Each structure stands twice: as structure tokens, then as C-alpha cells.
C-alpha atoms as a PDB file:
ATOM      1  CA  MET A   1     135.933  81.847 180.314  1.00  0.00           C
ATOM      2  CA  GLN A   2     135.965  78.843 181.802  1.00  0.00           C
ATOM      3  CA  GLN A   3     132.319  78.711 181.295  1.00  0.00           C
ATOM      4  CA  PHE A   4     132.682  79.498 177.551  1.00  0.00           C
ATOM      5  CA  ILE A   5     135.388  76.902 177.418  1.00  0.00           C
ATOM      6  CA  GLU A   6     132.748  74.877 179.111  1.00  0.00           C
ATOM      7  CA  GLN A   7     129.920  75.153 176.736  1.00  0.00           C
ATOM      8  CA  LEU A   8     132.171  74.955 173.647  1.00  0.00           C
ATOM      9  CA  THR A   9     133.602  71.714 175.133  1.00  0.00           C
ATOM     10  CA  VAL A  10     129.747  70.342 175.055  1.00  0.00           C
ATOM     11  CA  LYS A  11     129.301  71.675 171.903  1.00  0.00           C
ATOM     12  CA  LEU A  12     131.979  69.945 170.347  1.00  0.00           C
ATOM     13  CA  ALA A  13     131.492  66.656 171.639  1.00  0.00           C
ATOM     14  CA  GLY A  14     128.234  66.813 170.889  1.00  0.00           C
ATOM     15  CA  MET A  15     128.876  67.295 166.977  1.00  0.00           C
ATOM     16  CA  ASN A  16     131.613  64.782 167.091  1.00  0.00           C
ATOM     17  CA  PRO A  17     130.677  61.500 168.021  1.00  0.00           C
ATOM     18  CA  GLU A  18     134.086  60.062 167.266  1.00  0.00           C
ATOM     19  CA  MET A  19     135.417  62.386 169.960  1.00  0.00           C
ATOM     20  CA  SER A  20     135.324  61.958 173.597  1.00  0.00           C
ATOM     21  CA  GLU A  21     134.768  64.780 176.165  1.00  0.00           C
ATOM     22  CA  GLU A  22     138.477  65.213 177.228  1.00  0.00           C
ATOM     23  CA  ARG A  23     139.738  65.332 173.844  1.00  0.00           C
ATOM     24  CA  ALA A  24     136.875  67.785 172.605  1.00  0.00           C
ATOM     25  CA  ARG A  25     138.092  70.035 175.764  1.00  0.00           C
ATOM     26  CA  THR A  26     141.816  69.701 174.487  1.00  0.00           C
ATOM     27  CA  TRP A  27     140.898  70.872 171.174  1.00  0.00           C
ATOM     28  CA  VAL A  28     139.149  73.755 172.730  1.00  0.00           C
ATOM     29  CA  GLU A  29     141.521  74.668 174.589  1.00  0.00           C
ATOM     30  CA  LEU A  30     144.012  74.606 171.730  1.00  0.00           C
ATOM     31  CA  LEU A  31     141.903  76.785 169.276  1.00  0.00           C
ATOM     32  CA  TRP A  32     141.446  78.664 172.117  1.00  0.00           C
ATOM     33  CA  SER A  33     145.092  79.489 173.218  1.00  0.00           C
ATOM     34  CA  ASP A  34     146.377  79.230 168.946  1.00  0.00           C
ATOM     35  CA  TYR A  35     144.089  82.190 168.678  1.00  0.00           C
ATOM     36  CA  GLU A  36     144.906  84.539 171.347  1.00  0.00           C
ATOM     37  CA  ALA A  37     148.900  83.809 171.048  1.00  0.00           C
ATOM     38  CA  SER A  38     148.735  84.318 167.473  1.00  0.00           C
ATOM     39  CA  SER A  39     146.886  87.469 167.916  1.00  0.00           C
ATOM     40  CA  ALA A  40     149.142  88.633 170.553  1.00  0.00           C
ATOM     41  CA  LYS A  41     152.258  87.883 168.492  1.00  0.00           C
ATOM     42  CA  ALA A  42     150.744  89.610 165.062  1.00  0.00           C
ATOM     43  CA  GLY A  43     150.251  92.955 167.813  1.00  0.00           C
ATOM     44  CA  TYR A  44     146.438  93.113 168.125  1.00  0.00           C
ATOM     45  CA  ASP A  45     145.186  94.256 171.353  1.00  0.00           C
ATOM     46  CA  TYR A  46     143.040  91.905 173.124  1.00  0.00           C
ATOM     47  CA  LYS A  47     139.192  92.046 172.641  1.00  0.00           C
ATOM     48  CA  SER A  48     137.771  89.350 175.028  1.00  0.00           C
ATOM     49  CA  ALA A  49     137.172  86.381 176.250  1.00  0.00           C
ATOM     50  CA  GLU A  50     133.644  86.842 174.383  1.00  0.00           C
ATOM     51  CA  HIS A  51     135.176  87.467 171.208  1.00  0.00           C
ATOM     52  CA  THR A  52     137.741  84.662 171.761  1.00  0.00           C
ATOM     53  CA  ALA A  53     134.700  82.780 171.615  1.00  0.00           C
ATOM     54  CA  LYS A  54     132.964  83.061 169.237  1.00  0.00           C
ATOM     55  CA  LEU A  55     135.198  82.772 166.716  1.00  0.00           C
ATOM     56  CA  VAL A  56     136.618  78.796 168.275  1.00  0.00           C
ATOM     57  CA  ASP A  57     132.488  78.669 168.001  1.00  0.00           C
ATOM     58  CA  GLN A  58     132.520  79.253 164.426  1.00  0.00           C
ATOM     59  CA  LEU A  59     135.489  77.082 164.214  1.00  0.00           C
ATOM     60  CA  ILE A  60     133.658  74.374 165.463  1.00  0.00           C
ATOM     61  CA  THR A  61     130.600  75.052 163.877  1.00  0.00           C
ATOM     62  CA  SER A  62     132.636  75.016 160.684  1.00  0.00           C
ATOM     63  CA  TYR A  63     134.946  71.837 161.055  1.00  0.00           C
ATOM     64  CA  GLY A  64     133.758  70.331 164.371  1.00  0.00           C
ATOM     65  CA  ASP A  65     132.671  66.983 162.671  1.00  0.00           C
ATOM     66  CA  LYS A  66     135.827  66.414 160.861  1.00  0.00           C
ATOM     67  CA  LEU A  67     138.417  67.733 163.919  1.00  0.00           C
ATOM     68  CA  HIS A  68     139.223  63.860 164.827  1.00  0.00           C
ATOM     69  CA  LEU A  69     140.838  63.658 161.328  1.00  0.00           C
ATOM     70  CA  PHE A  70     143.331  66.005 161.694  1.00  0.00           C
ATOM     71  CA  ALA A  71     146.914  65.337 162.090  1.00  0.00           C
ATOM     72  CA  SER A  72     149.080  68.287 162.880  1.00  0.00           C
ATOM     73  CA  LYS A  73     152.700  68.016 162.316  1.00  0.00           C
ATOM     74  CA  ASN A  74     153.607  70.855 164.821  1.00  0.00           C
ATOM     75  CA  PRO A  75     155.202  68.626 167.101  1.00  0.00           C
ATOM     76  CA  LYS A  76     153.266  70.656 170.338  1.00  0.00           C
ATOM     77  CA  PHE A  77     149.974  70.003 168.840  1.00  0.00           C
ATOM     78  CA  ALA A  78     150.768  66.596 168.017  1.00  0.00           C
ATOM     79  CA  ALA A  79     151.736  65.005 171.033  1.00  0.00           C
ATOM     80  CA  LEU A  80     148.106  66.664 173.244  1.00  0.00           C
ATOM     81  CA  LEU A  81     146.312  65.125 169.898  1.00  0.00           C
ATOM     82  CA  GLU A  82     147.902  61.910 170.581  1.00  0.00           C
ATOM     83  CA  GLN A  83     147.324  60.967 173.982  1.00  0.00           C
END
């Protein structure tokens, strides 16, 4: 899992010059954990780290250059993204 997170962090940081590598890693970890938590709450079986990595990669490909513009109303995410 850590290898996937590292690769996705490098990809996101490379796509978005507004984002530091530390901020990119925070985003990757948030997207990863949010997807896994939402899937579990919905009652889906855990698929694999590869499956989650593929989904997060798709999100980064689609929205990575715009993620620095995101302002969350969710207090959990807002606190992490304001740092």
C-alpha cells in the first residue's frame, strides 16, 4: 500500500505545481481512506490495495491539477487541508 501511495503522491505533485509533495501526500491519503471507508460503510467487500490505487489514480488524472482549489466543508478534511 505504501508503494502505491508514494507513486500517487509523486504523480499528483508533478501534475499540480501549486501543491507541495507533503500536501500531495495528504490528498492521496485522504482520497484513499475516504474511498475505503465509504466502501466499507456501504457494505462492500474489500477488494485490494491495487483496486483502491487504480481508483485514486483515476481521480488524480481527472482532478489533480485542480485539487488545490478545493475547499471542504467537512471539518475533518478542512482542518487537514488548511495546514
